[in-house]
Amino acid sequence: MPMDARDIETMIKTAIPDATVTIRDLAGDGDHYAATVISESFRGKSRVQQHQIVYQSLKGQMGGVLHALALQTGVPE
């Protein structure tokens, strides 16, 4: 069963409370999403580390219920 965009946003915000999260369904199928996650907690971390934090927040859903997530991360300006 596909994952709902609100569920993805909730999981990310639960793990990264200060995050601003924007989710887009890329294919309309509930399996392919793009997410932009902005958080002060990313400051000083590499892009890889930022992505790892987001993937950890999804608790193993990547590659299973959530097939694909194009991810952009950053710190607030």
PDB file of N, CA and C in Angstrom:
ATOM      1  N   MET A   1       0.852  -1.180   0.000  1.00  0.00           N
ATOM      2  CA  MET A   1       0.000   0.000   0.000  1.00  0.00           C
ATOM      3  C   MET A   1       0.894   1.238   0.000  1.00  0.00           C
ATOM      4  N   PRO A   2       0.606   2.204  -0.858  1.00  0.00           N
ATOM      5  CA  PRO A   2       1.421   3.418  -0.923  1.00  0.00           C
ATOM      6  C   PRO A   2       1.396   4.207   0.386  1.00  0.00           C
ATOM      7  N   MET A   3       2.398   5.020   0.550  1.00  0.00           N
ATOM      8  CA  MET A   3       2.518   5.848   1.747  1.00  0.00           C
ATOM      9  C   MET A   3       1.954   7.235   1.459  1.00  0.00           C
ATOM     10  N   ASP A   4       1.216   7.776   2.391  1.00  0.00           N
ATOM     11  CA  ASP A   4       0.611   9.092   2.237  1.00  0.00           C
ATOM     12  C   ASP A   4       1.648  10.183   2.524  1.00  0.00           C
ATOM     13  N   ALA A   5       1.604  11.271   1.774  1.00  0.00           N
ATOM     14  CA  ALA A   5       2.546  12.386   1.961  1.00  0.00           C
ATOM     15  C   ALA A   5       2.481  12.941   3.376  1.00  0.00           C
ATOM     16  N   ARG A   6       1.301  12.972   3.969  1.00  0.00           N
ATOM     17  CA  ARG A   6       1.179  13.470   5.349  1.00  0.00           C
ATOM     18  C   ARG A   6       1.909  12.574   6.332  1.00  0.00           C
ATOM     19  N   ASP A   7       1.906  11.271   6.065  1.00  0.00           N
ATOM     20  CA  ASP A   7       2.625  10.335   6.936  1.00  0.00           C
ATOM     21  C   ASP A   7       4.131  10.569   6.856  1.00  0.00           C
ATOM     22  N   ILE A   8       4.621  10.813   5.649  1.00  0.00           N
ATOM     23  CA  ILE A   8       6.050  11.096   5.466  1.00  0.00           C
ATOM     24  C   ILE A   8       6.414  12.361   6.228  1.00  0.00           C
ATOM     25  N   GLU A   9       5.623  13.408   6.046  1.00  0.00           N
ATOM     26  CA  GLU A   9       5.876  14.680   6.729  1.00  0.00           C
ATOM     27  C   GLU A   9       5.851  14.507   8.245  1.00  0.00           C
ATOM     28  N   THR A  10       4.886  13.761   8.746  1.00  0.00           N
ATOM     29  CA  THR A  10       4.775  13.539  10.190  1.00  0.00           C
ATOM     30  C   THR A  10       5.997  12.801  10.727  1.00  0.00           C
ATOM     31  N   MET A  11       6.441  11.782  10.028  1.00  0.00           N
ATOM     32  CA  MET A  11       7.601  11.010  10.481  1.00  0.00           C
ATOM     33  C   MET A  11       8.851  11.892  10.527  1.00  0.00           C
ATOM     34  N   ILE A  12       9.033  12.719   9.503  1.00  0.00           N
ATOM     35  CA  ILE A  12      10.207  13.594   9.459  1.00  0.00           C
ATOM     36  C   ILE A  12      10.126  14.621  10.591  1.00  0.00           C
ATOM     37  N   LYS A  13       8.961  15.245  10.758  1.00  0.00           N
ATOM     38  CA  LYS A  13       8.814  16.278  11.795  1.00  0.00           C
ATOM     39  C   LYS A  13       8.904  15.711  13.204  1.00  0.00           C
ATOM     40  N   THR A  14       8.539  14.460  13.384  1.00  0.00           N
ATOM     41  CA  THR A  14       8.665  13.821  14.686  1.00  0.00           C
ATOM     42  C   THR A  14      10.141  13.670  15.047  1.00  0.00           C
ATOM     43  N   ALA A  15      10.950  13.286  14.065  1.00  0.00           N
ATOM     44  CA  ALA A  15      12.385  13.085  14.302  1.00  0.00           C
ATOM     45  C   ALA A  15      13.167  14.396  14.281  1.00  0.00           C
ATOM     46  N   ILE A  16      12.677  15.369  13.506  1.00  0.00           N
ATOM     47  CA  ILE A  16      13.368  16.655  13.353  1.00  0.00           C
ATOM     48  C   ILE A  16      12.329  17.752  13.604  1.00  0.00           C
ATOM     49  N   PRO A  17      12.028  18.036  14.879  1.00  0.00           N
ATOM     50  CA  PRO A  17      10.907  18.927  15.220  1.00  0.00           C
ATOM     51  C   PRO A  17      10.979  20.332  14.623  1.00  0.00           C
ATOM     52  N   ASP A  18      12.180  20.868  14.401  1.00  0.00           N
ATOM     53  CA  ASP A  18      12.282  22.235  13.871  1.00  0.00           C
ATOM     54  C   ASP A  18      12.238  22.282  12.344  1.00  0.00           C
ATOM     55  N   ALA A  19      12.066  21.141  11.704  1.00  0.00           N
ATOM     56  CA  ALA A  19      12.136  21.078  10.243  1.00  0.00           C
ATOM     57  C   ALA A  19      10.932  21.723   9.566  1.00  0.00           C
ATOM     58  N   THR A  20      11.228  22.366   8.442  1.00  0.00           N
ATOM     59  CA  THR A  20      10.199  22.785   7.508  1.00  0.00           C
ATOM     60  C   THR A  20      10.219  21.735   6.406  1.00  0.00           C
ATOM     61  N   VAL A  21       9.086  21.089   6.187  1.00  0.00           N
ATOM     62  CA  VAL A  21       9.027  19.957   5.261  1.00  0.00           C
ATOM     63  C   VAL A  21       8.012  20.246   4.165  1.00  0.00           C
ATOM     64  N   THR A  22       8.438  20.051   2.926  1.00  0.00           N
ATOM     65  CA  THR A  22       7.545  20.167   1.779  1.00  0.00           C
ATOM     66  C   THR A  22       7.617  18.847   1.017  1.00  0.00           C
ATOM     67  N   ILE A  23       6.463  18.222   0.787  1.00  0.00           N
ATOM     68  CA  ILE A  23       6.402  16.938   0.095  1.00  0.00           C
ATOM     69  C   ILE A  23       5.596  17.111  -1.191  1.00  0.00           C
ATOM     70  N   ARG A  24       6.118  16.558  -2.285  1.00  0.00           N
ATOM     71  CA  ARG A  24       5.385  16.551  -3.559  1.00  0.00           C
ATOM     72  C   ARG A  24       5.296  15.116  -4.072  1.00  0.00           C
ATOM     73  N   ASP A  25       4.121  14.720  -4.534  1.00  0.00           N
ATOM     74  CA  ASP A  25       3.928  13.407  -5.155  1.00  0.00           C
ATOM     75  C   ASP A  25       4.303  13.557  -6.627  1.00  0.00           C
ATOM     76  N   LEU A  26       5.395  12.932  -7.025  1.00  0.00           N
ATOM     77  CA  LEU A  26       5.930  13.136  -8.369  1.00  0.00           C
ATOM     78  C   LEU A  26       5.145  12.421  -9.460  1.00  0.00           C
ATOM     79  N   ALA A  27       4.569  11.274  -9.139  1.00  0.00           N
ATOM     80  CA  ALA A  27       3.914  10.478 -10.173  1.00  0.00           C
ATOM     81  C   ALA A  27       2.417  10.286  -9.935  1.00  0.00           C
ATOM     82  N   GLY A  28       1.914  10.797  -8.817  1.00  0.00           N
ATOM     83  CA  GLY A  28       0.503  10.631  -8.508  1.00  0.00           C
ATOM     84  C   GLY A  28       0.144   9.228  -8.056  1.00  0.00           C
ATOM     85  N   ASP A  29       1.166   8.418  -7.746  1.00  0.00           N
ATOM     86  CA  ASP A  29       0.915   7.030  -7.387  1.00  0.00           C
ATOM     87  C   ASP A  29       1.170   6.719  -5.908  1.00  0.00           C
ATOM     88  N   GLY A  30       1.591   7.727  -5.135  1.00  0.00           N
ATOM     89  CA  GLY A  30       1.864   7.502  -3.730  1.00  0.00           C
ATOM     90  C   GLY A  30       3.139   6.733  -3.469  1.00  0.00           C
ATOM     91  N   ASP A  31       3.938   6.511  -4.497  1.00  0.00           N
ATOM     92  CA  ASP A  31       5.193   5.764  -4.356  1.00  0.00           C
ATOM     93  C   ASP A  31       6.428   6.597  -4.658  1.00  0.00           C
ATOM     94  N   HIS A  32       6.259   7.684  -5.375  1.00  0.00           N
ATOM     95  CA  HIS A  32       7.391   8.499  -5.835  1.00  0.00           C
ATOM     96  C   HIS A  32       7.188   9.936  -5.368  1.00  0.00           C
ATOM     97  N   TYR A  33       7.996  10.331  -4.393  1.00  0.00           N
ATOM     98  CA  TYR A  33       7.855  11.656  -3.803  1.00  0.00           C
ATOM     99  C   TYR A  33       9.154  12.448  -3.918  1.00  0.00           C
ATOM    100  N   ALA A  34       9.003  13.759  -3.816  1.00  0.00           N
ATOM    101  CA  ALA A  34      10.137  14.663  -3.645  1.00  0.00           C
ATOM    102  C   ALA A  34       9.907  15.381  -2.321  1.00  0.00           C
ATOM    103  N   ALA A  35      10.960  15.502  -1.533  1.00  0.00           N
ATOM    104  CA  ALA A  35      10.851  16.171  -0.238  1.00  0.00           C
ATOM    105  C   ALA A  35      11.951  17.212  -0.116  1.00  0.00           C
ATOM    106  N   THR A  36      11.577  18.365   0.402  1.00  0.00           N
ATOM    107  CA  THR A  36      12.542  19.389   0.778  1.00  0.00           C
ATOM    108  C   THR A  36      12.440  19.533   2.284  1.00  0.00           C
ATOM    109  N   VAL A  37      13.583  19.374   2.952  1.00  0.00           N
ATOM    110  CA  VAL A  37      13.618  19.434   4.413  1.00  0.00           C
ATOM    111  C   VAL A  37      14.664  20.467   4.819  1.00  0.00           C
ATOM    112  N   ILE A  38      14.212  21.509   5.500  1.00  0.00           N
ATOM    113  CA  ILE A  38      15.087  22.581   5.969  1.00  0.00           C
ATOM    114  C   ILE A  38      15.090  22.547   7.493  1.00  0.00           C
ATOM    115  N   SER A  39      16.300  22.500   8.081  1.00  0.00           N
ATOM    116  CA  SER A  39      16.391  22.418   9.535  1.00  0.00           C
ATOM    117  C   SER A  39      17.698  23.030  10.027  1.00  0.00           C
ATOM    118  N   GLU A  40      17.608  23.763  11.098  1.00  0.00           N
ATOM    119  CA  GLU A  40      18.799  24.314  11.741  1.00  0.00           C
ATOM    120  C   GLU A  40      19.706  23.187  12.235  1.00  0.00           C
ATOM    121  N   SER A  41      19.130  22.048  12.571  1.00  0.00           N
ATOM    122  CA  SER A  41      19.932  20.926  13.070  1.00  0.00           C
ATOM    123  C   SER A  41      20.867  20.357  12.003  1.00  0.00           C
ATOM    124  N   PHE A  42      20.683  20.743  10.751  1.00  0.00           N
ATOM    125  CA  PHE A  42      21.565  20.298   9.673  1.00  0.00           C
ATOM    126  C   PHE A  42      22.840  21.140   9.577  1.00  0.00           C
ATOM    127  N   ARG A  43      22.853  22.290  10.233  1.00  0.00           N
ATOM    128  CA  ARG A  43      24.000  23.197  10.126  1.00  0.00           C
ATOM    129  C   ARG A  43      25.285  22.480  10.555  1.00  0.00           C
ATOM    130  N   GLY A  44      26.321  22.589   9.721  1.00  0.00           N
ATOM    131  CA  GLY A  44      27.611  21.972  10.002  1.00  0.00           C
ATOM    132  C   GLY A  44      27.706  20.515   9.576  1.00  0.00           C
ATOM    133  N   LYS A  45      26.617  19.964   9.062  1.00  0.00           N
ATOM    134  CA  LYS A  45      26.623  18.575   8.619  1.00  0.00           C
ATOM    135  C   LYS A  45      26.736  18.519   7.093  1.00  0.00           C
ATOM    136  N   SER A  46      27.368  17.483   6.599  1.00  0.00           N
ATOM    137  CA  SER A  46      27.477  17.305   5.151  1.00  0.00           C
ATOM    138  C   SER A  46      26.101  16.955   4.579  1.00  0.00           C
ATOM    139  N   ARG A  47      25.971  17.087   3.280  1.00  0.00           N
ATOM    140  CA  ARG A  47      24.710  16.746   2.616  1.00  0.00           C
ATOM    141  C   ARG A  47      24.366  15.276   2.867  1.00  0.00           C
ATOM    142  N   VAL A  48      25.372  14.412   2.832  1.00  0.00           N
ATOM    143  CA  VAL A  48      25.147  12.986   3.092  1.00  0.00           C
ATOM    144  C   VAL A  48      24.613  12.785   4.508  1.00  0.00           C
ATOM    145  N   GLN A  49      25.202  13.453   5.483  1.00  0.00           N
ATOM    146  CA  GLN A  49      24.731  13.335   6.867  1.00  0.00           C
ATOM    147  C   GLN A  49      23.295  13.843   7.005  1.00  0.00           C
ATOM    148  N   GLN A  50      22.980  14.933   6.333  1.00  0.00           N
ATOM    149  CA  GLN A  50      21.618  15.478   6.371  1.00  0.00           C
ATOM    150  C   GLN A  50      20.622  14.454   5.818  1.00  0.00           C
ATOM    151  N   HIS A  51      20.969  13.853   4.692  1.00  0.00           N
ATOM    152  CA  HIS A  51      20.081  12.865   4.070  1.00  0.00           C
ATOM    153  C   HIS A  51      19.933  11.638   4.969  1.00  0.00           C
ATOM    154  N   GLN A  52      21.020  11.221   5.612  1.00  0.00           N
ATOM    155  CA  GLN A  52      20.953  10.075   6.519  1.00  0.00           C
ATOM    156  C   GLN A  52      19.987  10.336   7.664  1.00  0.00           C
ATOM    157  N   ILE A  53      20.007  11.557   8.190  1.00  0.00           N
ATOM    158  CA  ILE A  53      19.090  11.918   9.278  1.00  0.00           C
ATOM    159  C   ILE A  53      17.642  11.786   8.809  1.00  0.00           C
ATOM    160  N   VAL A  54      17.362  12.278   7.609  1.00  0.00           N
ATOM    161  CA  VAL A  54      15.992  12.192   7.078  1.00  0.00           C
ATOM    162  C   VAL A  54      15.612  10.731   6.844  1.00  0.00           C
ATOM    163  N   TYR A  55      16.498   9.958   6.223  1.00  0.00           N
ATOM    164  CA  TYR A  55      16.178   8.549   5.962  1.00  0.00           C
ATOM    165  C   TYR A  55      15.953   7.780   7.262  1.00  0.00           C
ATOM    166  N   GLN A  56      16.733   8.089   8.297  1.00  0.00           N
ATOM    167  CA  GLN A  56      16.535   7.436   9.598  1.00  0.00           C
ATOM    168  C   GLN A  56      15.160   7.762  10.170  1.00  0.00           C
ATOM    169  N   SER A  57      14.681   8.982   9.910  1.00  0.00           N
ATOM    170  CA  SER A  57      13.368   9.379  10.428  1.00  0.00           C
ATOM    171  C   SER A  57      12.240   8.559   9.796  1.00  0.00           C
ATOM    172  N   LEU A  58      12.504   7.991   8.627  1.00  0.00           N
ATOM    173  CA  LEU A  58      11.471   7.214   7.929  1.00  0.00           C
ATOM    174  C   LEU A  58      11.415   5.761   8.392  1.00  0.00           C
ATOM    175  N   LYS A  59      12.273   5.401   9.321  1.00  0.00           N
ATOM    176  CA  LYS A  59      12.225   4.116  10.028  1.00  0.00           C
ATOM    177  C   LYS A  59      12.082   2.910   9.117  1.00  0.00           C
ATOM    178  N   GLY A  60      12.926   2.823   8.111  1.00  0.00           N
ATOM    179  CA  GLY A  60      12.951   1.632   7.266  1.00  0.00           C
ATOM    180  C   GLY A  60      11.879   1.569   6.194  1.00  0.00           C
ATOM    181  N   GLN A  61      11.116   2.623   6.007  1.00  0.00           N
ATOM    182  CA  GLN A  61      10.063   2.610   4.985  1.00  0.00           C
ATOM    183  C   GLN A  61      10.619   2.774   3.568  1.00  0.00           C
ATOM    184  N   MET A  62      11.813   3.364   3.448  1.00  0.00           N
ATOM    185  CA  MET A  62      12.430   3.557   2.129  1.00  0.00           C
ATOM    186  C   MET A  62      12.698   2.198   1.496  1.00  0.00           C
ATOM    187  N   GLY A  63      12.347   2.076   0.214  1.00  0.00           N
ATOM    188  CA  GLY A  63      12.572   0.837  -0.503  1.00  0.00           C
ATOM    189  C   GLY A  63      11.481  -0.192  -0.273  1.00  0.00           C
ATOM    190  N   GLY A  64      10.598   0.085   0.665  1.00  0.00           N
ATOM    191  CA  GLY A  64       9.469  -0.805   0.930  1.00  0.00           C
ATOM    192  C   GLY A  64       8.187  -0.092   0.562  1.00  0.00           C
ATOM    193  N   VAL A  65       7.471   0.372   1.571  1.00  0.00           N
ATOM    194  CA  VAL A  65       6.224   1.109   1.358  1.00  0.00           C
ATOM    195  C   VAL A  65       6.492   2.383   0.563  1.00  0.00           C
ATOM    196  N   LEU A  66       7.601   3.020   0.856  1.00  0.00           N
ATOM    197  CA  LEU A  66       7.987   4.245   0.140  1.00  0.00           C
ATOM    198  C   LEU A  66       9.044   3.869  -0.883  1.00  0.00           C
ATOM    199  N   HIS A  67       8.644   3.829  -2.138  1.00  0.00           N
ATOM    200  CA  HIS A  67       9.520   3.338  -3.199  1.00  0.00           C
ATOM    201  C   HIS A  67      10.647   4.303  -3.538  1.00  0.00           C
ATOM    202  N   ALA A  68      10.331   5.593  -3.687  1.00  0.00           N
ATOM    203  CA  ALA A  68      11.345   6.552  -4.111  1.00  0.00           C
ATOM    204  C   ALA A  68      11.104   7.910  -3.465  1.00  0.00           C
ATOM    205  N   LEU A  69      12.203   8.531  -3.009  1.00  0.00           N
ATOM    206  CA  LEU A  69      12.121   9.860  -2.406  1.00  0.00           C
ATOM    207  C   LEU A  69      13.292  10.681  -2.914  1.00  0.00           C
ATOM    208  N   ALA A  70      13.004  11.675  -3.759  1.00  0.00           N
ATOM    209  CA  ALA A  70      14.031  12.638  -4.190  1.00  0.00           C
ATOM    210  C   ALA A  70      14.149  13.645  -3.060  1.00  0.00           C
ATOM    211  N   LEU A  71      15.333  13.780  -2.521  1.00  0.00           N
ATOM    212  CA  LEU A  71      15.502  14.538  -1.289  1.00  0.00           C
ATOM    213  C   LEU A  71      16.419  15.736  -1.481  1.00  0.00           C
ATOM    214  N   GLN A  72      15.951  16.889  -1.001  1.00  0.00           N
ATOM    215  CA  GLN A  72      16.766  18.095  -0.922  1.00  0.00           C
ATOM    216  C   GLN A  72      16.743  18.537   0.527  1.00  0.00           C
ATOM    217  N   THR A  73      17.931  18.839   1.061  1.00  0.00           N
ATOM    218  CA  THR A  73      18.010  19.286   2.445  1.00  0.00           C
ATOM    219  C   THR A  73      18.833  20.563   2.522  1.00  0.00           C
ATOM    220  N   GLY A  74      18.674  21.274   3.613  1.00  0.00           N
ATOM    221  CA  GLY A  74      19.447  22.494   3.803  1.00  0.00           C
ATOM    222  C   GLY A  74      19.160  23.123   5.147  1.00  0.00           C
ATOM    223  N   VAL A  75      19.830  24.235   5.389  1.00  0.00           N
ATOM    224  CA  VAL A  75      19.646  24.997   6.618  1.00  0.00           C
ATOM    225  C   VAL A  75      18.881  26.276   6.289  1.00  0.00           C
ATOM    226  N   PRO A  76      18.187  26.847   7.273  1.00  0.00           N
ATOM    227  CA  PRO A  76      17.466  28.100   7.022  1.00  0.00           C
ATOM    228  C   PRO A  76      18.445  29.224   6.671  1.00  0.00           C
ATOM    229  N   GLU A  77      17.983  30.132   5.840  1.00  0.00           N
ATOM    230  CA  GLU A  77      18.818  31.276   5.463  1.00  0.00           C
ATOM    231  C   GLU A  77      18.775  32.341   6.512  1.00  0.00           C
TER     232      GLU A  77
END
